[in-house]
Amino acid sequence: MEKVQRKSRLRGCALKEFQNSLSDINKYLSYYVFISSQFLIQNESIIKSEPNKRTIEEFSSNPLSAQFDVKLNQLNSHTLETNKFVFDSLFLYCCFELDNYFKSTYKYLQSVERFFETKGESLDSFPVKITELVTVESLNQIIDNLNISKDKDFSEEEYLTFEYFRLRRNTIAHRNIEARYSGSMKEFIEKNGTNLNTYWNKSNTIIKRLDFTSKNLQFDSMDSIVDIINILRNTTPKLEEKIILKISANEWVEYLFSTFKKEVSSYDINVEEKFIKSFNKFTSIKLNCIFDNKIIEKVVYKR
């Protein structure tokens, strides 16, 4: 089975959208931390000189000063607590976007499968119909349903990292802070935490603060969220590559050619060199890959 000739790593539209979402999260996180820290810096002198003065007095021109009426010396502690809430929330949002990405990529493969079904054919790697996702825990099902191997390209440690994120997401969503380090989360950390720290510290991914052995499961650092964003940026393309490569180059060309004919308004298949150039530009946008001319000739020109 001929495989896709890769143009760097394969990137379907779902992955591009996910990576863009990560960039947005990182941008909003940086902006929030900048504004909140700058506020404390600019008001440091008044906080120190008049610690018992209330915000409603000092910031009377702010329409929210009455709603947030505390002593100035409490501003720092309130900022720290708010930071934890914001960091937890952004982590949940990362997980939400990750799950959407998993489901979108899986549906993309199913759309390819349906295309061949309408022709009375099946994909080489999937002679049996791809199973529907039935629960919210998408990654475990995708790994099993598509028979994704855990090897040097997508390692056991990377898979376990996704599992850590899933468990930590559940603790934030369903437990109070004191109870987060318990049950399956506690068992996972005790079994895998040290190994994951070792793995990521040796990797090329920049990890500054995230500690997989920590019993404190409330985020209290911007760096920890940035670490998670960095991990997701570096692991999802590798996982997608393994998923996309489940379909042969010939199958991709046939499917993408059918899409090309629907979406490109003007082309001339008889001007072969120009068509192939245009078609590969299209596949670069759709799948971030190009195909050998011989494969295109075989599939499109039937020779």
C-alpha atoms as a PDB file:
ATOM      1  CA  MET A   1       0.000   0.000   0.000  1.00  0.00           C
ATOM      2  CA  GLU A   2       1.577   3.252  -1.144  1.00  0.00           C
ATOM      3  CA  LYS A   3       1.707   5.946   1.506  1.00  0.00           C
ATOM      4  CA  VAL A   4       1.411   9.701   1.233  1.00  0.00           C
ATOM      5  CA  GLN A   5       4.581  11.601   0.347  1.00  0.00           C
ATOM      6  CA  ARG A   6       4.658  14.039   3.255  1.00  0.00           C
ATOM      7  CA  LYS A   7       5.206  17.747   3.040  1.00  0.00           C
ATOM      8  CA  SER A   8       6.578  18.136   6.569  1.00  0.00           C
ATOM      9  CA  ARG A   9       3.919  16.766   8.921  1.00  0.00           C
ATOM     10  CA  LEU A  10       0.401  16.128   7.740  1.00  0.00           C
ATOM     11  CA  ARG A  11      -2.001  18.838   8.808  1.00  0.00           C
ATOM     12  CA  GLY A  12      -5.679  18.590   8.057  1.00  0.00           C
ATOM     13  CA  CYS A  13      -8.033  21.492   8.564  1.00  0.00           C
ATOM     14  CA  ALA A  14      -9.084  20.255  12.012  1.00  0.00           C
ATOM     15  CA  LEU A  15      -5.498  20.332  13.232  1.00  0.00           C
ATOM     16  CA  LYS A  16      -4.940  23.830  11.852  1.00  0.00           C
ATOM     17  CA  GLU A  17      -8.027  25.043  13.687  1.00  0.00           C
ATOM     18  CA  PHE A  18      -6.883  23.363  16.891  1.00  0.00           C
ATOM     19  CA  GLN A  19      -3.396  24.844  16.643  1.00  0.00           C
ATOM     20  CA  ASN A  20      -4.948  28.269  16.032  1.00  0.00           C
ATOM     21  CA  SER A  21      -7.108  27.816  19.128  1.00  0.00           C
ATOM     22  CA  LEU A  22      -4.011  27.013  21.182  1.00  0.00           C
ATOM     23  CA  SER A  23      -2.369  30.186  19.908  1.00  0.00           C
ATOM     24  CA  ASP A  24      -5.454  32.192  20.898  1.00  0.00           C
ATOM     25  CA  ILE A  25      -5.478  30.659  24.382  1.00  0.00           C
ATOM     26  CA  ASN A  26      -1.802  31.487  24.798  1.00  0.00           C
ATOM     27  CA  LYS A  27      -2.417  35.061  23.610  1.00  0.00           C
ATOM     28  CA  TYR A  28      -5.368  35.654  25.949  1.00  0.00           C
ATOM     29  CA  LEU A  29      -3.490  34.068  28.847  1.00  0.00           C
ATOM     30  CA  SER A  30      -0.503  36.359  28.319  1.00  0.00           C
ATOM     31  CA  TYR A  31      -2.737  39.399  28.027  1.00  0.00           C
ATOM     32  CA  TYR A  32      -4.643  38.577  31.209  1.00  0.00           C
ATOM     33  CA  VAL A  33      -1.459  37.992  33.248  1.00  0.00           C
ATOM     34  CA  PHE A  34       0.085  41.177  31.850  1.00  0.00           C
ATOM     35  CA  ILE A  35      -2.929  43.312  32.789  1.00  0.00           C
ATOM     36  CA  SER A  36      -3.420  41.834  36.264  1.00  0.00           C
ATOM     37  CA  SER A  37       0.260  42.034  37.170  1.00  0.00           C
ATOM     38  CA  GLN A  38       0.599  45.537  35.735  1.00  0.00           C
ATOM     39  CA  PHE A  39      -2.321  46.711  37.857  1.00  0.00           C
ATOM     40  CA  LEU A  40      -0.517  45.586  41.040  1.00  0.00           C
ATOM     41  CA  ILE A  41       2.752  47.137  39.884  1.00  0.00           C
ATOM     42  CA  GLN A  42       1.164  50.494  39.130  1.00  0.00           C
ATOM     43  CA  ASN A  43      -0.678  50.575  42.450  1.00  0.00           C
ATOM     44  CA  GLU A  44       2.115  49.150  44.601  1.00  0.00           C
ATOM     45  CA  SER A  45       2.849  52.431  46.395  1.00  0.00           C
ATOM     46  CA  ILE A  46      -0.741  53.171  47.414  1.00  0.00           C
ATOM     47  CA  ILE A  47      -1.293  49.575  48.507  1.00  0.00           C
ATOM     48  CA  LYS A  48       1.741  49.815  50.786  1.00  0.00           C
ATOM     49  CA  SER A  49       1.057  53.334  52.087  1.00  0.00           C
ATOM     50  CA  GLU A  50      -2.671  52.883  52.717  1.00  0.00           C
ATOM     51  CA  PRO A  51      -3.294  49.146  53.048  1.00  0.00           C
ATOM     52  CA  ASN A  52      -6.631  49.548  54.853  1.00  0.00           C
ATOM     53  CA  LYS A  53      -8.101  51.913  52.303  1.00  0.00           C
ATOM     54  CA  ARG A  54     -10.902  50.314  50.316  1.00  0.00           C
ATOM     55  CA  THR A  55     -11.101  49.873  46.565  1.00  0.00           C
ATOM     56  CA  ILE A  56     -14.385  51.792  46.401  1.00  0.00           C
ATOM     57  CA  GLU A  57     -12.519  54.844  47.729  1.00  0.00           C
ATOM     58  CA  GLU A  58      -9.332  54.565  45.702  1.00  0.00           C
ATOM     59  CA  PHE A  59     -10.988  53.529  42.428  1.00  0.00           C
ATOM     60  CA  SER A  60     -14.295  55.353  42.685  1.00  0.00           C
ATOM     61  CA  SER A  61     -14.282  56.183  38.968  1.00  0.00           C
ATOM     62  CA  ASN A  62     -14.383  52.478  38.143  1.00  0.00           C
ATOM     63  CA  PRO A  63     -18.036  51.338  37.903  1.00  0.00           C
ATOM     64  CA  LEU A  64     -17.131  47.926  39.379  1.00  0.00           C
ATOM     65  CA  SER A  65     -15.377  49.322  42.457  1.00  0.00           C
ATOM     66  CA  ALA A  66     -18.539  49.011  44.577  1.00  0.00           C
ATOM     67  CA  GLN A  67     -19.068  45.427  43.463  1.00  0.00           C
ATOM     68  CA  PHE A  68     -15.484  44.531  44.350  1.00  0.00           C
ATOM     69  CA  ASP A  69     -15.139  46.419  47.619  1.00  0.00           C
ATOM     70  CA  VAL A  70     -12.100  45.138  49.532  1.00  0.00           C
ATOM     71  CA  LYS A  71      -9.125  46.582  51.359  1.00  0.00           C
ATOM     72  CA  LEU A  72      -6.156  47.421  49.166  1.00  0.00           C
ATOM     73  CA  ASN A  73      -3.927  45.029  51.071  1.00  0.00           C
ATOM     74  CA  GLN A  74      -6.198  42.179  49.932  1.00  0.00           C
ATOM     75  CA  LEU A  75      -5.737  42.864  46.239  1.00  0.00           C
ATOM     76  CA  ASN A  76      -2.664  40.683  45.886  1.00  0.00           C
ATOM     77  CA  SER A  77      -4.290  37.628  47.483  1.00  0.00           C
ATOM     78  CA  HIS A  78      -7.455  38.141  45.429  1.00  0.00           C
ATOM     79  CA  THR A  79      -5.345  38.310  42.273  1.00  0.00           C
ATOM     80  CA  LEU A  80      -3.592  35.051  43.146  1.00  0.00           C
ATOM     81  CA  GLU A  81      -6.905  33.279  43.753  1.00  0.00           C
ATOM     82  CA  THR A  82      -8.378  34.677  40.555  1.00  0.00           C
ATOM     83  CA  ASN A  83      -5.298  33.518  38.667  1.00  0.00           C
ATOM     84  CA  LYS A  84      -5.907  29.953  39.845  1.00  0.00           C
ATOM     85  CA  PHE A  85      -9.503  30.083  38.657  1.00  0.00           C
ATOM     86  CA  VAL A  86      -8.503  31.523  35.279  1.00  0.00           C
ATOM     87  CA  PHE A  87      -5.688  28.981  34.807  1.00  0.00           C
ATOM     88  CA  ASP A  88      -8.010  26.094  35.676  1.00  0.00           C
ATOM     89  CA  SER A  89     -10.603  27.446  33.245  1.00  0.00           C
ATOM     90  CA  LEU A  90      -8.087  27.810  30.412  1.00  0.00           C
ATOM     91  CA  PHE A  91      -6.891  24.260  30.987  1.00  0.00           C
ATOM     92  CA  LEU A  92     -10.497  23.054  30.699  1.00  0.00           C
ATOM     93  CA  TYR A  93     -10.830  25.043  27.482  1.00  0.00           C
ATOM     94  CA  CYS A  94      -7.670  23.419  26.092  1.00  0.00           C
ATOM     95  CA  CYS A  95      -9.208  20.015  26.832  1.00  0.00           C
ATOM     96  CA  PHE A  96     -12.497  21.040  25.239  1.00  0.00           C
ATOM     97  CA  GLU A  97     -10.738  22.116  22.046  1.00  0.00           C
ATOM     98  CA  LEU A  98      -8.608  18.953  22.099  1.00  0.00           C
ATOM     99  CA  ASP A  99     -11.661  16.741  22.248  1.00  0.00           C
ATOM    100  CA  ASN A 100     -13.279  18.704  19.400  1.00  0.00           C
ATOM    101  CA  TYR A 101     -10.118  18.185  17.363  1.00  0.00           C
ATOM    102  CA  PHE A 102     -10.159  14.414  18.028  1.00  0.00           C
ATOM    103  CA  LYS A 103     -13.780  14.142  16.954  1.00  0.00           C
ATOM    104  CA  SER A 104     -13.330  16.324  13.852  1.00  0.00           C
ATOM    105  CA  THR A 105     -10.338  14.292  12.657  1.00  0.00           C
ATOM    106  CA  TYR A 106     -12.197  11.040  13.235  1.00  0.00           C
ATOM    107  CA  LYS A 107     -15.221  12.321  11.307  1.00  0.00           C
ATOM    108  CA  TYR A 108     -12.908  13.317   8.474  1.00  0.00           C
ATOM    109  CA  LEU A 109     -11.757   9.732   8.097  1.00  0.00           C
ATOM    110  CA  GLN A 110     -15.367   8.599   8.207  1.00  0.00           C
ATOM    111  CA  SER A 111     -16.218  11.008   5.373  1.00  0.00           C
ATOM    112  CA  VAL A 112     -13.478   9.368   3.284  1.00  0.00           C
ATOM    113  CA  GLU A 113     -14.900   5.975   4.180  1.00  0.00           C
ATOM    114  CA  ARG A 114     -18.412   7.053   3.127  1.00  0.00           C
ATOM    115  CA  PHE A 115     -17.064   8.252  -0.216  1.00  0.00           C
ATOM    116  CA  PHE A 116     -15.755   4.780  -1.007  1.00  0.00           C
ATOM    117  CA  GLU A 117     -18.905   3.134   0.361  1.00  0.00           C
ATOM    118  CA  THR A 118     -20.985   4.979  -2.235  1.00  0.00           C
ATOM    119  CA  LYS A 119     -18.775   3.284  -4.846  1.00  0.00           C
ATOM    120  CA  GLY A 120     -19.258  -0.129  -3.257  1.00  0.00           C
ATOM    121  CA  GLU A 121     -15.646  -0.186  -2.056  1.00  0.00           C
ATOM    122  CA  SER A 122     -13.850  -0.131   1.290  1.00  0.00           C
ATOM    123  CA  LEU A 123     -10.590   1.449   2.449  1.00  0.00           C
ATOM    124  CA  ASP A 124      -7.584  -0.872   2.404  1.00  0.00           C
ATOM    125  CA  SER A 125      -6.917  -0.387   6.133  1.00  0.00           C
ATOM    126  CA  PHE A 126     -10.596  -0.533   7.100  1.00  0.00           C
ATOM    127  CA  PRO A 127     -12.318  -3.499   5.441  1.00  0.00           C
ATOM    128  CA  VAL A 128     -14.795  -3.359   8.341  1.00  0.00           C
ATOM    129  CA  LYS A 129     -16.747  -0.136   8.874  1.00  0.00           C
ATOM    130  CA  ILE A 130     -15.080   2.393  11.194  1.00  0.00           C
ATOM    131  CA  THR A 131     -16.872   2.232  14.537  1.00  0.00           C
ATOM    132  CA  GLU A 132     -18.802   5.268  15.728  1.00  0.00           C
ATOM    133  CA  LEU A 133     -17.574   7.160  18.793  1.00  0.00           C
ATOM    134  CA  VAL A 134     -20.022   6.416  21.583  1.00  0.00           C
ATOM    135  CA  THR A 135     -18.762   8.316  24.648  1.00  0.00           C
ATOM    136  CA  VAL A 136     -17.112  11.643  25.442  1.00  0.00           C
ATOM    137  CA  GLU A 137     -13.721   9.985  26.009  1.00  0.00           C
ATOM    138  CA  SER A 138     -12.675  10.248  22.376  1.00  0.00           C
ATOM    139  CA  LEU A 139      -8.934   9.479  22.393  1.00  0.00           C
ATOM    140  CA  ASN A 140      -9.147   5.994  23.905  1.00  0.00           C
ATOM    141  CA  GLN A 141     -11.785   5.015  21.374  1.00  0.00           C
ATOM    142  CA  ILE A 142      -9.873   6.493  18.448  1.00  0.00           C
ATOM    143  CA  ILE A 143      -6.705   4.642  19.439  1.00  0.00           C
ATOM    144  CA  ASP A 144      -8.656   1.374  19.652  1.00  0.00           C
ATOM    145  CA  ASN A 145     -10.997   1.878  16.686  1.00  0.00           C
ATOM    146  CA  LEU A 146      -8.237   2.904  14.279  1.00  0.00           C
ATOM    147  CA  ASN A 147      -5.625   0.549  15.739  1.00  0.00           C
ATOM    148  CA  ILE A 148      -3.121   3.340  16.400  1.00  0.00           C
ATOM    149  CA  SER A 149       0.207   1.938  17.586  1.00  0.00           C
ATOM    150  CA  LYS A 150       2.239   3.523  20.368  1.00  0.00           C
ATOM    151  CA  ASP A 151       5.812   3.678  19.128  1.00  0.00           C
ATOM    152  CA  LYS A 152       8.616   6.195  18.646  1.00  0.00           C
ATOM    153  CA  ASP A 153       6.349   8.378  16.473  1.00  0.00           C
ATOM    154  CA  PHE A 154       3.551   8.456  19.043  1.00  0.00           C
ATOM    155  CA  SER A 155       4.927   7.039  22.259  1.00  0.00           C
ATOM    156  CA  GLU A 156       3.336   5.395  25.266  1.00  0.00           C
ATOM    157  CA  GLU A 157       4.426   8.411  27.330  1.00  0.00           C
ATOM    158  CA  GLU A 158       2.638  10.801  24.987  1.00  0.00           C
ATOM    159  CA  TYR A 159      -0.499   8.706  25.165  1.00  0.00           C
ATOM    160  CA  LEU A 160      -0.246   8.675  28.979  1.00  0.00           C
ATOM    161  CA  THR A 161       0.172  12.453  28.942  1.00  0.00           C
ATOM    162  CA  PHE A 162      -3.183  12.781  27.178  1.00  0.00           C
ATOM    163  CA  GLU A 163      -4.633  10.436  29.793  1.00  0.00           C
ATOM    164  CA  TYR A 164      -3.211  12.659  32.555  1.00  0.00           C
ATOM    165  CA  PHE A 165      -4.877  15.690  30.973  1.00  0.00           C
ATOM    166  CA  ARG A 166      -8.175  13.790  30.755  1.00  0.00           C
ATOM    167  CA  LEU A 167      -8.067  12.756  34.417  1.00  0.00           C
ATOM    168  CA  ARG A 168      -7.008  16.205  35.584  1.00  0.00           C
ATOM    169  CA  ARG A 169      -9.802  17.783  33.553  1.00  0.00           C
ATOM    170  CA  ASN A 170     -12.293  15.477  35.280  1.00  0.00           C
ATOM    171  CA  THR A 171     -11.005  16.371  38.743  1.00  0.00           C
ATOM    172  CA  ILE A 172     -11.426  20.090  38.024  1.00  0.00           C
ATOM    173  CA  ALA A 173     -14.904  19.593  36.591  1.00  0.00           C
ATOM    174  CA  HIS A 174     -16.245  17.233  39.259  1.00  0.00           C
ATOM    175  CA  ARG A 175     -14.298  17.602  42.521  1.00  0.00           C
ATOM    176  CA  ASN A 176     -13.553  20.345  44.993  1.00  0.00           C
ATOM    177  CA  ILE A 177      -9.924  21.411  45.272  1.00  0.00           C
ATOM    178  CA  GLU A 178      -9.166  19.338  48.371  1.00  0.00           C
ATOM    179  CA  ALA A 179     -10.463  16.112  46.791  1.00  0.00           C
ATOM    180  CA  ARG A 180      -8.676  16.379  43.455  1.00  0.00           C
ATOM    181  CA  TYR A 181      -5.733  14.238  44.520  1.00  0.00           C
ATOM    182  CA  SER A 182      -7.701  11.038  45.028  1.00  0.00           C
ATOM    183  CA  GLY A 183      -9.078   8.021  43.201  1.00  0.00           C
ATOM    184  CA  SER A 184      -7.906   7.335  39.648  1.00  0.00           C
ATOM    185  CA  MET A 185      -6.026  10.681  39.519  1.00  0.00           C
ATOM    186  CA  LYS A 186      -3.942   9.756  42.573  1.00  0.00           C
ATOM    187  CA  GLU A 187      -3.306   6.238  41.263  1.00  0.00           C
ATOM    188  CA  PHE A 188      -2.205   7.566  37.883  1.00  0.00           C
ATOM    189  CA  ILE A 189       0.214  10.089  39.389  1.00  0.00           C
ATOM    190  CA  GLU A 190       1.757   7.507  41.728  1.00  0.00           C
ATOM    191  CA  LYS A 191       2.218   5.038  38.858  1.00  0.00           C
ATOM    192  CA  ASN A 192       3.240   7.334  35.976  1.00  0.00           C
ATOM    193  CA  GLY A 193       4.161  10.792  37.316  1.00  0.00           C
ATOM    194  CA  THR A 194       7.918  10.304  37.709  1.00  0.00           C
ATOM    195  CA  ASN A 195       8.248   8.611  34.319  1.00  0.00           C
ATOM    196  CA  LEU A 196       6.360  11.427  32.577  1.00  0.00           C
ATOM    197  CA  ASN A 197       8.547  14.072  34.220  1.00  0.00           C
ATOM    198  CA  THR A 198      11.647  12.230  33.012  1.00  0.00           C
ATOM    199  CA  TYR A 199      10.243  11.833  29.498  1.00  0.00           C
ATOM    200  CA  TRP A 200       9.285  15.478  29.007  1.00  0.00           C
ATOM    201  CA  ASN A 201      12.432  16.852  30.639  1.00  0.00           C
ATOM    202  CA  LYS A 202      14.458  14.918  28.055  1.00  0.00           C
ATOM    203  CA  SER A 203      12.261  15.961  25.139  1.00  0.00           C
ATOM    204  CA  ASN A 204      12.673  18.926  22.806  1.00  0.00           C
ATOM    205  CA  THR A 205       9.440  20.422  24.149  1.00  0.00           C
ATOM    206  CA  ILE A 206      10.013  23.338  26.523  1.00  0.00           C
ATOM    207  CA  ILE A 207       8.601  22.460  29.951  1.00  0.00           C
ATOM    208  CA  LYS A 208       9.158  25.058  32.683  1.00  0.00           C
ATOM    209  CA  ARG A 209       6.718  24.321  35.489  1.00  0.00           C
ATOM    210  CA  LEU A 210       4.399  21.367  34.840  1.00  0.00           C
ATOM    211  CA  ASP A 211       5.038  18.594  37.368  1.00  0.00           C
ATOM    212  CA  PHE A 212       3.306  15.267  36.767  1.00  0.00           C
ATOM    213  CA  THR A 213       4.078  14.118  40.332  1.00  0.00           C
ATOM    214  CA  SER A 214       2.526  17.110  42.084  1.00  0.00           C
ATOM    215  CA  LYS A 215      -0.329  16.499  44.510  1.00  0.00           C
ATOM    216  CA  ASN A 216      -1.460  20.089  44.034  1.00  0.00           C
ATOM    217  CA  LEU A 217      -3.939  19.816  41.177  1.00  0.00           C
ATOM    218  CA  GLN A 218      -5.015  23.449  41.056  1.00  0.00           C
ATOM    219  CA  PHE A 219      -3.095  25.466  38.489  1.00  0.00           C
ATOM    220  CA  ASP A 220      -1.250  28.326  40.165  1.00  0.00           C
ATOM    221  CA  SER A 221       1.190  29.268  37.410  1.00  0.00           C
ATOM    222  CA  MET A 222       0.901  30.665  33.912  1.00  0.00           C
ATOM    223  CA  ASP A 223       3.955  28.605  32.972  1.00  0.00           C
ATOM    224  CA  SER A 224       2.104  25.346  33.648  1.00  0.00           C
ATOM    225  CA  ILE A 225      -0.602  26.252  31.134  1.00  0.00           C
ATOM    226  CA  VAL A 226       2.021  27.295  28.582  1.00  0.00           C
ATOM    227  CA  ASP A 227       3.736  23.929  29.159  1.00  0.00           C
ATOM    228  CA  ILE A 228       0.477  22.144  28.345  1.00  0.00           C
ATOM    229  CA  ILE A 229      -0.004  24.244  25.216  1.00  0.00           C
ATOM    230  CA  ASN A 230       3.551  23.385  24.120  1.00  0.00           C
ATOM    231  CA  ILE A 231       2.940  19.675  24.685  1.00  0.00           C
ATOM    232  CA  LEU A 232      -0.303  19.751  22.717  1.00  0.00           C
ATOM    233  CA  ARG A 233       1.310  21.675  19.873  1.00  0.00           C
ATOM    234  CA  ASN A 234       4.046  19.058  19.541  1.00  0.00           C
ATOM    235  CA  THR A 235       2.058  15.865  20.073  1.00  0.00           C
ATOM    236  CA  THR A 236      -1.144  16.364  18.093  1.00  0.00           C
ATOM    237  CA  PRO A 237       0.598  16.602  14.687  1.00  0.00           C
ATOM    238  CA  LYS A 238       2.318  13.277  15.380  1.00  0.00           C
ATOM    239  CA  LEU A 239      -0.951  11.649  16.359  1.00  0.00           C
ATOM    240  CA  GLU A 240      -2.722  13.069  13.321  1.00  0.00           C
ATOM    241  CA  GLU A 241       0.021  11.768  11.075  1.00  0.00           C
ATOM    242  CA  LYS A 242      -0.554   8.251  12.340  1.00  0.00           C
ATOM    243  CA  ILE A 243      -4.291   8.640  11.804  1.00  0.00           C
ATOM    244  CA  ILE A 244      -4.022  10.143   8.311  1.00  0.00           C
ATOM    245  CA  LEU A 245      -1.497   7.537   7.181  1.00  0.00           C
ATOM    246  CA  LYS A 246      -4.088   4.853   7.807  1.00  0.00           C
ATOM    247  CA  ILE A 247      -5.363   5.814   4.346  1.00  0.00           C
ATOM    248  CA  SER A 248      -3.148   5.123   1.326  1.00  0.00           C
ATOM    249  CA  ALA A 249      -1.909   7.793  -1.056  1.00  0.00           C
ATOM    250  CA  ASN A 250      -4.024   6.350  -3.868  1.00  0.00           C
ATOM    251  CA  GLU A 251      -7.141   6.517  -1.700  1.00  0.00           C
ATOM    252  CA  TRP A 252      -6.397  10.079  -0.626  1.00  0.00           C
ATOM    253  CA  VAL A 253      -5.882  11.208  -4.219  1.00  0.00           C
ATOM    254  CA  GLU A 254      -9.151   9.636  -5.298  1.00  0.00           C
ATOM    255  CA  TYR A 255     -11.070  11.209  -2.414  1.00  0.00           C
ATOM    256  CA  LEU A 256      -9.417  14.627  -2.727  1.00  0.00           C
ATOM    257  CA  PHE A 257      -9.920  14.646  -6.481  1.00  0.00           C
ATOM    258  CA  SER A 258     -13.654  14.195  -5.916  1.00  0.00           C
ATOM    259  CA  THR A 259     -13.532  17.145  -3.495  1.00  0.00           C
ATOM    260  CA  PHE A 260     -11.404  19.172  -5.898  1.00  0.00           C
ATOM    261  CA  LYS A 261     -13.998  18.801  -8.661  1.00  0.00           C
ATOM    262  CA  LYS A 262     -16.711  20.134  -6.353  1.00  0.00           C
ATOM    263  CA  GLU A 263     -14.768  23.058  -4.906  1.00  0.00           C
ATOM    264  CA  VAL A 264     -12.591  24.296  -7.774  1.00  0.00           C
ATOM    265  CA  SER A 265     -14.698  26.103 -10.331  1.00  0.00           C
ATOM    266  CA  SER A 266     -12.235  26.243 -13.208  1.00  0.00           C
ATOM    267  CA  TYR A 267      -9.655  23.640 -14.205  1.00  0.00           C
ATOM    268  CA  ASP A 268      -8.637  21.705 -17.303  1.00  0.00           C
ATOM    269  CA  ILE A 269      -7.649  18.116 -16.657  1.00  0.00           C
ATOM    270  CA  ASN A 270      -6.319  17.838 -20.200  1.00  0.00           C
ATOM    271  CA  VAL A 271      -3.529  20.336 -19.490  1.00  0.00           C
ATOM    272  CA  GLU A 272      -1.777  17.778 -17.338  1.00  0.00           C
ATOM    273  CA  GLU A 273       1.172  19.721 -15.921  1.00  0.00           C
ATOM    274  CA  LYS A 274      -0.982  22.700 -14.971  1.00  0.00           C
ATOM    275  CA  PHE A 275      -3.684  20.461 -13.500  1.00  0.00           C
ATOM    276  CA  ILE A 276      -1.261  18.472 -11.332  1.00  0.00           C
ATOM    277  CA  LYS A 277       0.265  21.688 -10.022  1.00  0.00           C
ATOM    278  CA  SER A 278      -3.200  23.042  -9.209  1.00  0.00           C
ATOM    279  CA  PHE A 279      -4.319  19.763  -7.655  1.00  0.00           C
ATOM    280  CA  ASN A 280      -1.269  19.522  -5.396  1.00  0.00           C
ATOM    281  CA  LYS A 281      -1.805  23.112  -4.292  1.00  0.00           C
ATOM    282  CA  PHE A 282      -5.324  22.037  -3.328  1.00  0.00           C
ATOM    283  CA  THR A 283      -4.094  18.957  -1.418  1.00  0.00           C
ATOM    284  CA  SER A 284      -1.510  21.098   0.384  1.00  0.00           C
ATOM    285  CA  ILE A 285      -4.327  23.261   1.715  1.00  0.00           C
ATOM    286  CA  LYS A 286      -6.628  20.361   2.565  1.00  0.00           C
ATOM    287  CA  LEU A 287      -4.092  17.885   3.947  1.00  0.00           C
ATOM    288  CA  ASN A 288      -0.728  19.665   3.964  1.00  0.00           C
ATOM    289  CA  CYS A 289       0.743  17.047   1.664  1.00  0.00           C
ATOM    290  CA  ILE A 290       1.709  16.646  -1.969  1.00  0.00           C
ATOM    291  CA  PHE A 291       1.498  13.512  -4.060  1.00  0.00           C
ATOM    292  CA  ASP A 292       3.888  11.929  -6.512  1.00  0.00           C
ATOM    293  CA  ASN A 293       2.928  12.645 -10.113  1.00  0.00           C
ATOM    294  CA  LYS A 294       2.821   8.935 -10.848  1.00  0.00           C
ATOM    295  CA  ILE A 295       0.144   8.388  -8.207  1.00  0.00           C
ATOM    296  CA  ILE A 296      -1.950  11.246  -9.619  1.00  0.00           C
ATOM    297  CA  GLU A 297      -1.502   9.868 -13.132  1.00  0.00           C
ATOM    298  CA  LYS A 298      -2.556   6.415 -11.952  1.00  0.00           C
ATOM    299  CA  VAL A 299      -5.667   7.588 -10.098  1.00  0.00           C
ATOM    300  CA  VAL A 300      -6.819  10.569 -12.150  1.00  0.00           C
ATOM    301  CA  TYR A 301      -5.602   9.626 -15.613  1.00  0.00           C
ATOM    302  CA  LYS A 302      -5.996   5.843 -15.130  1.00  0.00           C
ATOM    303  CA  ARG A 303      -2.540   4.961 -16.438  1.00  0.00           C
END
